[in-house]
PDB file of N, CA and C in Angstrom:
ATOM      1  N   MET A   1      15.599 -28.434  -3.517  1.00  0.00           N
ATOM      2  CA  MET A   1      16.994 -28.051  -3.664  1.00  0.00           C
ATOM      3  C   MET A   1      17.558 -27.765  -2.276  1.00  0.00           C
ATOM      4  N   ARG A   2      18.730 -28.281  -2.054  1.00  0.00           N
ATOM      5  CA  ARG A   2      19.365 -28.025  -0.769  1.00  0.00           C
ATOM      6  C   ARG A   2      19.882 -26.598  -0.719  1.00  0.00           C
ATOM      7  N   ARG A   3      19.996 -26.095   0.472  1.00  0.00           N
ATOM      8  CA  ARG A   3      20.450 -24.714   0.638  1.00  0.00           C
ATOM      9  C   ARG A   3      21.854 -24.504   0.072  1.00  0.00           C
ATOM     10  N   THR A   4      22.756 -25.450   0.335  1.00  0.00           N
ATOM     11  CA  THR A   4      24.123 -25.283  -0.164  1.00  0.00           C
ATOM     12  C   THR A   4      24.159 -25.293  -1.689  1.00  0.00           C
ATOM     13  N   GLN A   5      23.294 -26.078  -2.313  1.00  0.00           N
ATOM     14  CA  GLN A   5      23.242 -26.086  -3.772  1.00  0.00           C
ATOM     15  C   GLN A   5      22.748 -24.737  -4.283  1.00  0.00           C
ATOM     16  N   GLY A   6      21.768 -24.159  -3.597  1.00  0.00           N
ATOM     17  CA  GLY A   6      21.262 -22.842  -3.984  1.00  0.00           C
ATOM     18  C   GLY A   6      22.335 -21.771  -3.879  1.00  0.00           C
ATOM     19  N   ILE A   7      23.125 -21.834  -2.823  1.00  0.00           N
ATOM     20  CA  ILE A   7      24.215 -20.868  -2.642  1.00  0.00           C
ATOM     21  C   ILE A   7      25.258 -21.050  -3.741  1.00  0.00           C
ATOM     22  N   THR A   8      25.591 -22.297  -4.031  1.00  0.00           N
ATOM     23  CA  THR A   8      26.554 -22.578  -5.100  1.00  0.00           C
ATOM     24  C   THR A   8      26.044 -22.060  -6.433  1.00  0.00           C
ATOM     25  N   ASP A   9      24.766 -22.283  -6.703  1.00  0.00           N
ATOM     26  CA  ASP A   9      24.177 -21.797  -7.951  1.00  0.00           C
ATOM     27  C   ASP A   9      24.227 -20.275  -8.029  1.00  0.00           C
ATOM     28  N   MET A  10      23.934 -19.596  -6.929  1.00  0.00           N
ATOM     29  CA  MET A  10      23.960 -18.130  -6.916  1.00  0.00           C
ATOM     30  C   MET A  10      25.380 -17.608  -7.133  1.00  0.00           C
ATOM     31  N   ARG A  11      26.355 -18.268  -6.535  1.00  0.00           N
ATOM     32  CA  ARG A  11      27.751 -17.855  -6.741  1.00  0.00           C
ATOM     33  C   ARG A  11      28.144 -18.020  -8.201  1.00  0.00           C
ATOM     34  N   GLY A  12      27.710 -19.118  -8.796  1.00  0.00           N
ATOM     35  CA  GLY A  12      27.994 -19.338 -10.214  1.00  0.00           C
ATOM     36  C   GLY A  12      27.350 -18.281 -11.085  1.00  0.00           C
ATOM     37  N   LEU A  13      26.114 -17.937 -10.777  1.00  0.00           N
ATOM     38  CA  LEU A  13      25.406 -16.906 -11.529  1.00  0.00           C
ATOM     39  C   LEU A  13      26.098 -15.555 -11.362  1.00  0.00           C
ATOM     40  N   LEU A  14      26.483 -15.225 -10.150  1.00  0.00           N
ATOM     41  CA  LEU A  14      27.183 -13.965  -9.902  1.00  0.00           C
ATOM     42  C   LEU A  14      28.509 -13.926 -10.657  1.00  0.00           C
ATOM     43  N   TRP A  15      29.256 -15.037 -10.645  1.00  0.00           N
ATOM     44  CA  TRP A  15      30.515 -15.102 -11.385  1.00  0.00           C
ATOM     45  C   TRP A  15      30.261 -14.855 -12.865  1.00  0.00           C
ATOM     46  N   TRP A  16      29.231 -15.483 -13.413  1.00  0.00           N
ATOM     47  CA  TRP A  16      28.924 -15.345 -14.837  1.00  0.00           C
ATOM     48  C   TRP A  16      28.574 -13.900 -15.180  1.00  0.00           C
ATOM     49  N   ILE A  17      27.733 -13.282 -14.370  1.00  0.00           N
ATOM     50  CA  ILE A  17      27.314 -11.899 -14.630  1.00  0.00           C
ATOM     51  C   ILE A  17      28.514 -10.956 -14.586  1.00  0.00           C
ATOM     52  N   THR A  18      29.345 -11.084 -13.557  1.00  0.00           N
ATOM     53  CA  THR A  18      30.496 -10.183 -13.456  1.00  0.00           C
ATOM     54  C   THR A  18      31.501 -10.441 -14.575  1.00  0.00           C
ATOM     55  N   SER A  19      31.602 -11.683 -15.036  1.00  0.00           N
ATOM     56  CA  SER A  19      32.501 -11.987 -16.157  1.00  0.00           C
ATOM     57  C   SER A  19      32.000 -11.359 -17.441  1.00  0.00           C
ATOM     58  N   VAL A  20      30.713 -11.474 -17.691  1.00  0.00           N
ATOM     59  CA  VAL A  20      30.129 -10.908 -18.908  1.00  0.00           C
ATOM     60  C   VAL A  20      30.244  -9.388 -18.896  1.00  0.00           C
ATOM     61  N   MET A  21      30.058  -8.787 -17.746  1.00  0.00           N
ATOM     62  CA  MET A  21      30.106  -7.335 -17.642  1.00  0.00           C
ATOM     63  C   MET A  21      31.539  -6.793 -17.638  1.00  0.00           C
ATOM     64  N   GLY A  22      32.523  -7.648 -17.468  1.00  0.00           N
ATOM     65  CA  GLY A  22      33.915  -7.206 -17.504  1.00  0.00           C
ATOM     66  C   GLY A  22      34.442  -6.701 -16.175  1.00  0.00           C
ATOM     67  N   ASP A  23      33.754  -7.033 -15.089  1.00  0.00           N
ATOM     68  CA  ASP A  23      34.154  -6.511 -13.783  1.00  0.00           C
ATOM     69  C   ASP A  23      35.565  -6.918 -13.368  1.00  0.00           C
ATOM     70  N   LYS A  24      36.016  -8.065 -13.794  1.00  0.00           N
ATOM     71  CA  LYS A  24      37.332  -8.563 -13.387  1.00  0.00           C
ATOM     72  C   LYS A  24      38.402  -8.352 -14.461  1.00  0.00           C
ATOM     73  N   ASP A  25      38.079  -7.662 -15.536  1.00  0.00           N
ATOM     74  CA  ASP A  25      39.017  -7.521 -16.650  1.00  0.00           C
ATOM     75  C   ASP A  25      40.308  -6.816 -16.246  1.00  0.00           C
ATOM     76  N   TYR A  26      40.203  -5.754 -15.467  1.00  0.00           N
ATOM     77  CA  TYR A  26      41.416  -5.035 -15.075  1.00  0.00           C
ATOM     78  C   TYR A  26      42.291  -5.911 -14.179  1.00  0.00           C
ATOM     79  N   GLU A  27      41.666  -6.623 -13.244  1.00  0.00           N
ATOM     80  CA  GLU A  27      42.432  -7.508 -12.368  1.00  0.00           C
ATOM     81  C   GLU A  27      43.163  -8.573 -13.183  1.00  0.00           C
ATOM     82  N   ARG A  28      42.482  -9.143 -14.169  1.00  0.00           N
ATOM     83  CA  ARG A  28      43.113 -10.147 -15.032  1.00  0.00           C
ATOM     84  C   ARG A  28      44.242  -9.527 -15.853  1.00  0.00           C
ATOM     85  N   TYR A  29      44.030  -8.301 -16.317  1.00  0.00           N
ATOM     86  CA  TYR A  29      45.055  -7.605 -17.101  1.00  0.00           C
ATOM     87  C   TYR A  29      46.305  -7.360 -16.260  1.00  0.00           C
ATOM     88  N   VAL A  30      46.119  -6.903 -15.033  1.00  0.00           N
ATOM     89  CA  VAL A  30      47.262  -6.651 -14.148  1.00  0.00           C
ATOM     90  C   VAL A  30      48.010  -7.957 -13.881  1.00  0.00           C
ATOM     91  N   ALA A  31      47.287  -9.035 -13.604  1.00  0.00           N
ATOM     92  CA  ALA A  31      47.927 -10.334 -13.371  1.00  0.00           C
ATOM     93  C   ALA A  31      48.710 -10.778 -14.605  1.00  0.00           C
ATOM     94  N   HIS A  32      48.137 -10.579 -15.778  1.00  0.00           N
ATOM     95  CA  HIS A  32      48.822 -10.924 -17.030  1.00  0.00           C
ATOM     96  C   HIS A  32      50.100 -10.101 -17.188  1.00  0.00           C
ATOM     97  N   MET A  33      49.998  -8.804 -16.960  1.00  0.00           N
ATOM     98  CA  MET A  33      51.171  -7.938 -17.103  1.00  0.00           C
ATOM     99  C   MET A  33      52.280  -8.357 -16.142  1.00  0.00           C
ATOM    100  N   GLN A  34      51.921  -8.674 -14.912  1.00  0.00           N
ATOM    101  CA  GLN A  34      52.927  -9.063 -13.927  1.00  0.00           C
ATOM    102  C   GLN A  34      53.554 -10.412 -14.270  1.00  0.00           C
ATOM    103  N   ARG A  35      52.766 -11.305 -14.845  1.00  0.00           N
ATOM    104  CA  ARG A  35      53.247 -12.639 -15.177  1.00  0.00           C
ATOM    105  C   ARG A  35      54.067 -12.649 -16.472  1.00  0.00           C
ATOM    106  N   VAL A  36      53.564 -11.987 -17.507  1.00  0.00           N
ATOM    107  CA  VAL A  36      54.167 -12.072 -18.835  1.00  0.00           C
ATOM    108  C   VAL A  36      55.140 -10.927 -19.116  1.00  0.00           C
ATOM    109  N   HIS A  37      54.881  -9.769 -18.536  1.00  0.00           N
ATOM    110  CA  HIS A  37      55.713  -8.590 -18.789  1.00  0.00           C
ATOM    111  C   HIS A  37      56.184  -7.969 -17.469  1.00  0.00           C
ATOM    112  N   PRO A  38      56.908  -8.731 -16.657  1.00  0.00           N
ATOM    113  CA  PRO A  38      57.342  -8.172 -15.367  1.00  0.00           C
ATOM    114  C   PRO A  38      58.256  -6.968 -15.582  1.00  0.00           C
ATOM    115  N   GLY A  39      58.092  -5.987 -14.743  1.00  0.00           N
ATOM    116  CA  GLY A  39      58.910  -4.786 -14.844  1.00  0.00           C
ATOM    117  C   GLY A  39      58.332  -3.711 -15.740  1.00  0.00           C
ATOM    118  N   GLU A  40      57.356  -4.067 -16.573  1.00  0.00           N
ATOM    119  CA  GLU A  40      56.705  -3.076 -17.433  1.00  0.00           C
ATOM    120  C   GLU A  40      55.694  -2.285 -16.605  1.00  0.00           C
ATOM    121  N   PRO A  41      55.527  -1.007 -16.891  1.00  0.00           N
ATOM    122  CA  PRO A  41      54.536  -0.226 -16.138  1.00  0.00           C
ATOM    123  C   PRO A  41      53.114  -0.701 -16.450  1.00  0.00           C
ATOM    124  N   VAL A  42      52.294  -0.731 -15.419  1.00  0.00           N
ATOM    125  CA  VAL A  42      50.892  -1.124 -15.563  1.00  0.00           C
ATOM    126  C   VAL A  42      50.055   0.146 -15.480  1.00  0.00           C
ATOM    127  N   PRO A  43      49.225   0.407 -16.485  1.00  0.00           N
ATOM    128  CA  PRO A  43      48.410   1.622 -16.431  1.00  0.00           C
ATOM    129  C   PRO A  43      47.395   1.560 -15.291  1.00  0.00           C
ATOM    130  N   SER A  44      46.946   2.726 -14.889  1.00  0.00           N
ATOM    131  CA  SER A  44      45.917   2.782 -13.856  1.00  0.00           C
ATOM    132  C   SER A  44      44.640   2.148 -14.391  1.00  0.00           C
ATOM    133  N   GLU A  45      43.742   1.816 -13.488  1.00  0.00           N
ATOM    134  CA  GLU A  45      42.468   1.225 -13.921  1.00  0.00           C
ATOM    135  C   GLU A  45      41.704   2.208 -14.805  1.00  0.00           C
ATOM    136  N   ARG A  46      41.756   3.462 -14.451  1.00  0.00           N
ATOM    137  CA  ARG A  46      41.069   4.485 -15.249  1.00  0.00           C
ATOM    138  C   ARG A  46      41.611   4.520 -16.681  1.00  0.00           C
ATOM    139  N   GLN A  47      42.934   4.494 -16.804  1.00  0.00           N
ATOM    140  CA  GLN A  47      43.547   4.505 -18.135  1.00  0.00           C
ATOM    141  C   GLN A  47      43.253   3.217 -18.900  1.00  0.00           C
ATOM    142  N   PHE A  48      43.238   2.089 -18.193  1.00  0.00           N
ATOM    143  CA  PHE A  48      42.897   0.808 -18.825  1.00  0.00           C
ATOM    144  C   PHE A  48      41.536   0.890 -19.501  1.00  0.00           C
ATOM    145  N   TRP A  49      40.534   1.413 -18.774  1.00  0.00           N
ATOM    146  CA  TRP A  49      39.183   1.484 -19.342  1.00  0.00           C
ATOM    147  C   TRP A  49      39.106   2.520 -20.462  1.00  0.00           C
ATOM    148  N   ARG A  50      39.803   3.630 -20.330  1.00  0.00           N
ATOM    149  CA  ARG A  50      39.833   4.623 -21.420  1.00  0.00           C
ATOM    150  C   ARG A  50      40.384   3.991 -22.695  1.00  0.00           C
ATOM    151  N   ASP A  51      41.505   3.302 -22.558  1.00  0.00           N
ATOM    152  CA  ASP A  51      42.125   2.654 -23.722  1.00  0.00           C
ATOM    153  C   ASP A  51      41.216   1.579 -24.303  1.00  0.00           C
ATOM    154  N   ARG A  52      40.585   0.825 -23.442  1.00  0.00           N
ATOM    155  CA  ARG A  52      39.713  -0.257 -23.911  1.00  0.00           C
ATOM    156  C   ARG A  52      38.524   0.288 -24.691  1.00  0.00           C
ATOM    157  N   TYR A  53      37.878   1.317 -24.166  1.00  0.00           N
ATOM    158  CA  TYR A  53      36.721   1.888 -24.867  1.00  0.00           C
ATOM    159  C   TYR A  53      37.145   2.604 -26.144  1.00  0.00           C
ATOM    160  N   ALA A  54      38.300   3.255 -26.128  1.00  0.00           N
ATOM    161  CA  ALA A  54      38.797   3.905 -27.343  1.00  0.00           C
ATOM    162  C   ALA A  54      39.072   2.861 -28.421  1.00  0.00           C
ATOM    163  N   ASP A  55      39.644   1.735 -28.032  1.00  0.00           N
ATOM    164  CA  ASP A  55      39.904   0.659 -28.986  1.00  0.00           C
ATOM    165  C   ASP A  55      38.595   0.082 -29.525  1.00  0.00           C
ATOM    166  N   ALA A  56      37.604  -0.082 -28.664  1.00  0.00           N
ATOM    167  CA  ALA A  56      36.306  -0.609 -29.106  1.00  0.00           C
ATOM    168  C   ALA A  56      35.635   0.351 -30.083  1.00  0.00           C
ATOM    169  N   ASP A  57      35.778   1.648 -29.866  1.00  0.00           N
ATOM    170  CA  ASP A  57      35.197   2.629 -30.784  1.00  0.00           C
ATOM    171  C   ASP A  57      35.931   2.643 -32.125  1.00  0.00           C
ATOM    172  N   THR A  58      37.241   2.470 -32.077  1.00  0.00           N
ATOM    173  CA  THR A  58      38.048   2.488 -33.295  1.00  0.00           C
ATOM    174  C   THR A  58      37.877   1.210 -34.112  1.00  0.00           C
ATOM    175  N   ASN A  59      37.757   0.087 -33.428  1.00  0.00           N
ATOM    176  CA  ASN A  59      37.653  -1.227 -34.079  1.00  0.00           C
ATOM    177  C   ASN A  59      36.384  -1.932 -33.616  1.00  0.00           C
ATOM    178  N   PRO A  60      35.229  -1.620 -34.202  1.00  0.00           N
ATOM    179  CA  PRO A  60      33.972  -2.178 -33.707  1.00  0.00           C
ATOM    180  C   PRO A  60      33.873  -3.698 -33.792  1.00  0.00           C
ATOM    181  N   GLY A  61      34.535  -4.336 -34.721  1.00  0.00           N
ATOM    182  CA  GLY A  61      34.551  -5.798 -34.783  1.00  0.00           C
ATOM    183  C   GLY A  61      33.169  -6.404 -34.909  1.00  0.00           C
ATOM    184  N   ALA A  62      32.834  -7.293 -33.993  1.00  0.00           N
ATOM    185  CA  ALA A  62      31.602  -8.073 -34.095  1.00  0.00           C
ATOM    186  C   ALA A  62      30.415  -7.466 -33.353  1.00  0.00           C
ATOM    187  N   ARG A  63      30.570  -6.307 -32.779  1.00  0.00           N
ATOM    188  CA  ARG A  63      29.424  -5.777 -32.041  1.00  0.00           C
ATOM    189  C   ARG A  63      28.341  -5.295 -33.001  1.00  0.00           C
ATOM    190  N   CYS A  64      27.155  -5.162 -32.506  1.00  0.00           N
ATOM    191  CA  CYS A  64      26.008  -4.907 -33.377  1.00  0.00           C
ATOM    192  C   CYS A  64      25.880  -3.450 -33.819  1.00  0.00           C
ATOM    193  N   CYS A  65      26.388  -2.501 -33.045  1.00  0.00           N
ATOM    194  CA  CYS A  65      26.136  -1.091 -33.361  1.00  0.00           C
ATOM    195  C   CYS A  65      27.420  -0.302 -33.519  1.00  0.00           C
TER     196      CYS A  65
END
């Protein structure tokens, strides 16, 4: 395997892990709010995660536990 291919593979793996873990969710949410709802207040990152976890607890959906 060439070195550049290995680096590309590692970047892809890192992207996948951070996507699954939700690391970029707040950034995507802010971009969505600015694009679709300009002028609306955007909650802080702390409030975003509080609301998200509260919603997950209230509506368990497809999770296992």
